[in-house]
Amino acid sequence: MRIFLAGVSDVGKTTVGAKLAALLDYRFFDLDDEIEHFYETPIERLQNRYPTVHQFRIAAAQALKHVLARGDAHNCVIALPPAD
């Protein structure tokens, strides 16, 4: 089972997600970190590369697809970035 945590910035998605994953013995992914690893650049720089939030979200979706395709992502908790 995959559990997705969504919400506004700074509400604790990463903290709660990591604790929930540990309780369930699931893998935890913070999508902000995964986006940075996937594109090998900081989120801020990546956001500046795209003129609209929509275009950035399309790029972020590619990183999410990459995470979901991983073999260790079948049972996981994923903290999603806020949808500004």
C-alpha atoms as a PDB file:
ATOM      1  CA  MET A   1       0.000   0.000   0.000  1.00  0.00           C
ATOM      2  CA  ARG A   2       1.183   3.523  -0.779  1.00  0.00           C
ATOM      3  CA  ILE A   3       0.271   6.394   1.502  1.00  0.00           C
ATOM      4  CA  PHE A   4       0.546   9.958   0.201  1.00  0.00           C
ATOM      5  CA  LEU A   5       0.708  12.921   2.572  1.00  0.00           C
ATOM      6  CA  ALA A   6      -0.289  16.285   1.137  1.00  0.00           C
ATOM      7  CA  GLY A   7      -0.692  19.697   2.699  1.00  0.00           C
ATOM      8  CA  VAL A   8       0.617  23.209   2.918  1.00  0.00           C
ATOM      9  CA  SER A   9       4.233  24.031   3.759  1.00  0.00           C
ATOM     10  CA  ASP A  10       5.590  23.453   7.250  1.00  0.00           C
ATOM     11  CA  VAL A  11       2.743  21.366   8.672  1.00  0.00           C
ATOM     12  CA  GLY A  12       4.945  18.356   9.416  1.00  0.00           C
ATOM     13  CA  LYS A  13       4.389  16.038   6.432  1.00  0.00           C
ATOM     14  CA  THR A  14       8.020  14.930   6.519  1.00  0.00           C
ATOM     15  CA  THR A  15       8.096  14.406  10.290  1.00  0.00           C
ATOM     16  CA  VAL A  16       4.757  12.574  10.421  1.00  0.00           C
ATOM     17  CA  GLY A  17       5.527  10.640   7.236  1.00  0.00           C
ATOM     18  CA  ALA A  18       8.847   9.362   8.542  1.00  0.00           C
ATOM     19  CA  LYS A  19       7.276   8.288  11.840  1.00  0.00           C
ATOM     20  CA  LEU A  20       4.325   6.628  10.099  1.00  0.00           C
ATOM     21  CA  ALA A  21       6.647   4.770   7.751  1.00  0.00           C
ATOM     22  CA  ALA A  22       8.713   3.542  10.698  1.00  0.00           C
ATOM     23  CA  LEU A  23       5.597   2.328  12.535  1.00  0.00           C
ATOM     24  CA  LEU A  24       4.393   0.449   9.443  1.00  0.00           C
ATOM     25  CA  ASP A  25       7.889  -0.759   8.515  1.00  0.00           C
ATOM     26  CA  TYR A  26       7.460   1.013   5.153  1.00  0.00           C
ATOM     27  CA  ARG A  27       9.928   2.989   3.080  1.00  0.00           C
ATOM     28  CA  PHE A  28       9.645   6.793   3.397  1.00  0.00           C
ATOM     29  CA  PHE A  29      10.152   9.222   0.537  1.00  0.00           C
ATOM     30  CA  ASP A  30      10.174  13.001   0.820  1.00  0.00           C
ATOM     31  CA  LEU A  31       9.329  14.039  -2.731  1.00  0.00           C
ATOM     32  CA  ASP A  32      11.223  17.336  -2.381  1.00  0.00           C
ATOM     33  CA  ASP A  33      14.414  15.329  -1.789  1.00  0.00           C
ATOM     34  CA  GLU A  34      13.553  12.901  -4.564  1.00  0.00           C
ATOM     35  CA  ILE A  35      13.003  15.765  -7.032  1.00  0.00           C
ATOM     36  CA  GLU A  36      16.402  17.208  -6.148  1.00  0.00           C
ATOM     37  CA  HIS A  37      18.093  13.832  -6.632  1.00  0.00           C
ATOM     38  CA  PHE A  38      16.228  13.108  -9.867  1.00  0.00           C
ATOM     39  CA  TYR A  39      17.172  16.441 -11.460  1.00  0.00           C
ATOM     40  CA  GLU A  40      20.480  16.811  -9.581  1.00  0.00           C
ATOM     41  CA  THR A  41      19.660  20.401  -8.669  1.00  0.00           C
ATOM     42  CA  PRO A  42      18.095  22.221  -5.707  1.00  0.00           C
ATOM     43  CA  ILE A  43      14.314  22.710  -5.772  1.00  0.00           C
ATOM     44  CA  GLU A  44      14.697  26.503  -5.813  1.00  0.00           C
ATOM     45  CA  ARG A  45      16.856  26.404  -8.933  1.00  0.00           C
ATOM     46  CA  LEU A  46      14.484  23.952 -10.591  1.00  0.00           C
ATOM     47  CA  GLN A  47      11.461  26.147  -9.794  1.00  0.00           C
ATOM     48  CA  ASN A  48      13.234  29.123 -11.366  1.00  0.00           C
ATOM     49  CA  ARG A  49      13.820  27.074 -14.510  1.00  0.00           C
ATOM     50  CA  TYR A  50      10.075  26.851 -15.181  1.00  0.00           C
ATOM     51  CA  PRO A  51       8.011  30.002 -15.800  1.00  0.00           C
ATOM     52  CA  THR A  52       4.809  28.625 -14.235  1.00  0.00           C
ATOM     53  CA  VAL A  53       3.919  26.456 -11.251  1.00  0.00           C
ATOM     54  CA  HIS A  54       2.079  24.137 -13.641  1.00  0.00           C
ATOM     55  CA  GLN A  55       5.243  23.498 -15.666  1.00  0.00           C
ATOM     56  CA  PHE A  56       7.205  22.840 -12.485  1.00  0.00           C
ATOM     57  CA  ARG A  57       4.534  20.356 -11.345  1.00  0.00           C
ATOM     58  CA  ILE A  58       4.843  18.501 -14.652  1.00  0.00           C
ATOM     59  CA  ALA A  59       8.581  18.156 -14.015  1.00  0.00           C
ATOM     60  CA  ALA A  60       7.951  17.095 -10.404  1.00  0.00           C
ATOM     61  CA  ALA A  61       5.517  14.437 -11.641  1.00  0.00           C
ATOM     62  CA  GLN A  62       8.361  12.827 -13.573  1.00  0.00           C
ATOM     63  CA  ALA A  63      10.330  12.447 -10.340  1.00  0.00           C
ATOM     64  CA  LEU A  64       7.250  10.951  -8.649  1.00  0.00           C
ATOM     65  CA  LYS A  65       6.844   8.445 -11.492  1.00  0.00           C
ATOM     66  CA  HIS A  66      10.494   7.505 -11.037  1.00  0.00           C
ATOM     67  CA  VAL A  67       9.941   6.901  -7.309  1.00  0.00           C
ATOM     68  CA  LEU A  68       6.794   4.843  -7.904  1.00  0.00           C
ATOM     69  CA  ALA A  69       8.628   2.650 -10.430  1.00  0.00           C
ATOM     70  CA  ARG A  70      11.267   1.684  -7.879  1.00  0.00           C
ATOM     71  CA  GLY A  71      11.169  -1.831  -6.531  1.00  0.00           C
ATOM     72  CA  ASP A  72      11.305  -0.616  -2.939  1.00  0.00           C
ATOM     73  CA  ALA A  73       8.310   1.725  -3.350  1.00  0.00           C
ATOM     74  CA  HIS A  74       5.518  -0.842  -3.218  1.00  0.00           C
ATOM     75  CA  ASN A  75       4.816  -0.233   0.466  1.00  0.00           C
ATOM     76  CA  CYS A  76       5.773   3.338   1.200  1.00  0.00           C
ATOM     77  CA  VAL A  77       4.805   6.704   2.599  1.00  0.00           C
ATOM     78  CA  ILE A  78       5.404   9.704   0.339  1.00  0.00           C
ATOM     79  CA  ALA A  79       5.377  13.313   1.555  1.00  0.00           C
ATOM     80  CA  LEU A  80       4.308  15.478  -1.388  1.00  0.00           C
ATOM     81  CA  PRO A  81       5.388  19.106  -1.837  1.00  0.00           C
ATOM     82  CA  PRO A  82       2.676  21.748  -1.404  1.00  0.00           C
ATOM     83  CA  ALA A  83       0.655  22.587  -4.498  1.00  0.00           C
ATOM     84  CA  ASP A  84       1.362  26.308  -4.469  1.00  0.00           C
END
